[in-house]
Amino acid sequence: MEDFLAEELINIVKKNTASDFEEAFERAFELTKAYAGSANAQASAIPFVFEKLFELFVTGKARS
């Protein structure tokens, strides 16, 4: 994850400050919760799924 995205994520989670990426956070969080609740979810993959979804919703593209 790029430093800029990581800083915005920290602002949303810890500092409760307004961010342009709050909607991206909410969408990624909801989809990650759905994945985590599925029968095929792997616990070790959940943080990775959230990170990639957040990055996708913020930038419009996913890096591998």
N, C-alpha and C. Protein backbone atom coordinates (compact mmCIF):
# COMPACT_ATOMS: atom_id res chain seq x y z
N MET A 1 0.85 -1.17 0.00
CA MET A 1 0.00 0.00 0.00
C MET A 1 0.90 1.24 0.00
N GLU A 2 0.54 2.18 -0.82
CA GLU A 2 1.32 3.41 -0.89
C GLU A 2 1.22 4.18 0.42
N ASP A 3 2.24 4.96 0.72
CA ASP A 3 2.27 5.73 1.96
C ASP A 3 1.08 6.68 2.08
N PHE A 4 0.71 7.30 0.98
CA PHE A 4 -0.41 8.23 1.00
C PHE A 4 -1.70 7.51 1.41
N LEU A 5 -1.94 6.34 0.85
CA LEU A 5 -3.14 5.58 1.19
C LEU A 5 -3.10 5.11 2.64
N ALA A 6 -1.94 4.71 3.09
CA ALA A 6 -1.79 4.27 4.48
C ALA A 6 -2.08 5.42 5.44
N GLU A 7 -1.61 6.61 5.13
CA GLU A 7 -1.86 7.77 5.99
C GLU A 7 -3.35 8.12 6.02
N GLU A 8 -4.01 8.04 4.88
CA GLU A 8 -5.45 8.32 4.84
C GLU A 8 -6.22 7.29 5.65
N LEU A 9 -5.80 6.04 5.56
CA LEU A 9 -6.45 4.97 6.33
C LEU A 9 -6.28 5.21 7.82
N ILE A 10 -5.11 5.63 8.24
CA ILE A 10 -4.87 5.94 9.65
C ILE A 10 -5.74 7.11 10.09
N ASN A 11 -5.86 8.12 9.25
CA ASN A 11 -6.71 9.27 9.57
C ASN A 11 -8.16 8.85 9.78
N ILE A 12 -8.64 7.95 8.97
CA ILE A 12 -10.03 7.49 9.08
C ILE A 12 -10.22 6.67 10.35
N VAL A 13 -9.32 5.75 10.61
CA VAL A 13 -9.51 4.80 11.72
C VAL A 13 -9.17 5.41 13.07
N LYS A 14 -8.03 6.05 13.20
CA LYS A 14 -7.56 6.49 14.51
C LYS A 14 -7.92 7.92 14.85
N LYS A 15 -7.82 8.80 13.91
CA LYS A 15 -7.94 10.21 14.21
C LYS A 15 -9.36 10.75 14.07
N ASN A 16 -10.24 9.95 13.48
CA ASN A 16 -11.62 10.38 13.27
C ASN A 16 -11.73 11.75 12.59
N THR A 17 -10.83 12.00 11.67
CA THR A 17 -10.87 13.25 10.93
C THR A 17 -11.57 13.02 9.60
N ALA A 18 -12.08 14.06 9.02
CA ALA A 18 -12.75 13.96 7.73
C ALA A 18 -11.74 13.58 6.65
N SER A 19 -12.17 12.69 5.79
CA SER A 19 -11.31 12.24 4.71
C SER A 19 -12.14 12.09 3.45
N ASP A 20 -11.50 12.32 2.33
CA ASP A 20 -12.17 12.13 1.04
C ASP A 20 -12.40 10.65 0.76
N PHE A 21 -11.78 9.79 1.53
CA PHE A 21 -11.83 8.36 1.26
C PHE A 21 -12.69 7.58 2.25
N GLU A 22 -13.53 8.26 2.98
CA GLU A 22 -14.39 7.57 3.95
C GLU A 22 -15.33 6.59 3.26
N GLU A 23 -15.87 6.97 2.12
CA GLU A 23 -16.76 6.07 1.39
C GLU A 23 -16.01 4.83 0.92
N ALA A 24 -14.79 5.00 0.45
CA ALA A 24 -13.97 3.86 0.02
C ALA A 24 -13.71 2.93 1.21
N PHE A 25 -13.45 3.51 2.38
CA PHE A 25 -13.24 2.72 3.59
C PHE A 25 -14.49 1.91 3.93
N GLU A 26 -15.64 2.57 3.91
CA GLU A 26 -16.88 1.89 4.26
C GLU A 26 -17.20 0.76 3.29
N ARG A 27 -17.01 0.99 2.00
CA ARG A 27 -17.28 -0.05 1.01
C ARG A 27 -16.34 -1.23 1.19
N ALA A 28 -15.04 -0.94 1.38
CA ALA A 28 -14.07 -2.01 1.57
C ALA A 28 -14.35 -2.78 2.86
N PHE A 29 -14.74 -2.07 3.92
CA PHE A 29 -15.03 -2.70 5.20
C PHE A 29 -16.24 -3.63 5.09
N GLU A 30 -17.29 -3.18 4.44
CA GLU A 30 -18.49 -4.00 4.29
C GLU A 30 -18.22 -5.26 3.46
N LEU A 31 -17.48 -5.11 2.38
CA LEU A 31 -17.16 -6.29 1.56
C LEU A 31 -16.23 -7.25 2.30
N THR A 32 -15.32 -6.71 3.08
CA THR A 32 -14.41 -7.55 3.86
C THR A 32 -15.19 -8.31 4.94
N LYS A 33 -16.15 -7.65 5.56
CA LYS A 33 -16.99 -8.32 6.55
C LYS A 33 -17.76 -9.47 5.91
N ALA A 34 -18.27 -9.25 4.71
CA ALA A 34 -19.01 -10.30 4.01
C ALA A 34 -18.07 -11.47 3.71
N TYR A 35 -16.87 -11.18 3.27
CA TYR A 35 -15.89 -12.24 3.00
C TYR A 35 -15.55 -12.99 4.28
N ALA A 36 -15.29 -12.26 5.36
CA ALA A 36 -14.91 -12.88 6.63
C ALA A 36 -16.00 -13.79 7.16
N GLY A 37 -17.25 -13.46 6.88
CA GLY A 37 -18.35 -14.27 7.35
C GLY A 37 -18.67 -15.45 6.47
N SER A 38 -18.01 -15.57 5.35
CA SER A 38 -18.29 -16.69 4.45
C SER A 38 -17.58 -17.95 4.92
N ALA A 39 -18.09 -19.07 4.49
CA ALA A 39 -17.55 -20.36 4.91
C ALA A 39 -16.14 -20.59 4.36
N ASN A 40 -15.80 -19.97 3.25
CA ASN A 40 -14.51 -20.20 2.62
C ASN A 40 -13.43 -19.19 3.02
N ALA A 41 -13.74 -18.30 3.94
CA ALA A 41 -12.79 -17.26 4.33
C ALA A 41 -11.59 -17.86 5.05
N GLN A 42 -10.42 -17.36 4.73
CA GLN A 42 -9.19 -17.74 5.41
C GLN A 42 -8.79 -16.56 6.28
N ALA A 43 -8.61 -16.82 7.56
CA ALA A 43 -8.32 -15.75 8.51
C ALA A 43 -7.10 -14.93 8.11
N SER A 44 -6.09 -15.56 7.59
CA SER A 44 -4.87 -14.85 7.23
C SER A 44 -5.06 -13.94 6.02
N ALA A 45 -6.10 -14.17 5.23
CA ALA A 45 -6.32 -13.38 4.02
C ALA A 45 -7.19 -12.15 4.27
N ILE A 46 -7.87 -12.08 5.40
CA ILE A 46 -8.82 -11.00 5.64
C ILE A 46 -8.16 -9.61 5.59
N PRO A 47 -7.04 -9.37 6.27
CA PRO A 47 -6.41 -8.04 6.17
C PRO A 47 -5.97 -7.70 4.74
N PHE A 48 -5.48 -8.69 4.02
CA PHE A 48 -5.05 -8.48 2.64
C PHE A 48 -6.24 -8.11 1.76
N VAL A 49 -7.36 -8.77 1.96
CA VAL A 49 -8.57 -8.47 1.20
C VAL A 49 -9.00 -7.02 1.45
N PHE A 50 -9.02 -6.61 2.71
CA PHE A 50 -9.41 -5.23 3.02
C PHE A 50 -8.46 -4.23 2.37
N GLU A 51 -7.17 -4.48 2.50
CA GLU A 51 -6.18 -3.55 1.93
C GLU A 51 -6.36 -3.40 0.43
N LYS A 52 -6.53 -4.51 -0.26
CA LYS A 52 -6.67 -4.46 -1.71
C LYS A 52 -7.98 -3.80 -2.13
N LEU A 53 -9.06 -4.06 -1.39
CA LEU A 53 -10.33 -3.42 -1.72
C LEU A 53 -10.26 -1.91 -1.49
N PHE A 54 -9.66 -1.49 -0.37
CA PHE A 54 -9.52 -0.07 -0.08
C PHE A 54 -8.71 0.61 -1.19
N GLU A 55 -7.61 0.01 -1.55
CA GLU A 55 -6.77 0.56 -2.61
C GLU A 55 -7.54 0.64 -3.93
N LEU A 56 -8.31 -0.39 -4.24
CA LEU A 56 -9.10 -0.41 -5.47
C LEU A 56 -10.13 0.72 -5.49
N PHE A 57 -10.84 0.91 -4.38
CA PHE A 57 -11.86 1.94 -4.34
C PHE A 57 -11.28 3.35 -4.33
N VAL A 58 -10.09 3.53 -3.81
CA VAL A 58 -9.47 4.86 -3.78
C VAL A 58 -8.85 5.21 -5.13
N THR A 59 -8.09 4.28 -5.70
CA THR A 59 -7.35 4.58 -6.91
C THR A 59 -8.06 4.15 -8.19
N GLY A 60 -8.99 3.22 -8.08
CA GLY A 60 -9.65 2.70 -9.27
C GLY A 60 -8.89 1.57 -9.93
N LYS A 61 -7.79 1.15 -9.32
CA LYS A 61 -7.02 0.03 -9.87
C LYS A 61 -6.36 -0.71 -8.71
N ALA A 62 -6.08 -1.97 -8.95
CA ALA A 62 -5.44 -2.79 -7.92
C ALA A 62 -4.07 -3.22 -8.40
N ARG A 63 -3.11 -3.11 -7.52
CA ARG A 63 -1.77 -3.59 -7.84
C ARG A 63 -1.61 -4.97 -7.25
N SER A 64 -0.81 -5.81 -7.89
CA SER A 64 -0.62 -7.15 -7.33
C SER A 64 0.55 -7.20 -6.40
